[in-house]
Amino acid sequence: EAPLAEPQGEGRAPRAEARRGAAAARGAPADERYNMKLRLGKGFTLEELKEAKIPAKLAPTIGIAVDHRRRNRCTESLQANVNRLKLYKSKLLIFPKK
């Protein structure tokens, strides 16, 4: 008795499914849906640092986290964060280099 052969079309479906999954894993199509997520505690935007007159390269060296992915969508949160940065900067003690 000979073994039964697999049906021809069955091998294609899992590959197509894997292709669809791979596209989603890279974040191509579904990425725009999730870009409104609030990233609390991830860091300040480059625009907030600019408003507070703190160079982006200096910020991590004085203890300020920078998140280049975040964007400012309203001026209220921008101003609130700029005020937080200015307050932090006013309390900061930077010792001079020898």
Foldseek 3Di string as FASTA:
>chain_A
DDDDDDDDPPVPVVVVVVVVVVCVVVPPPCVVVPLVDDDPPQFDECVLCVVLVHHPVCQVVQPGHYDPSDDDPDVVVSVVSNVVVNVVVVPDDDDDDD
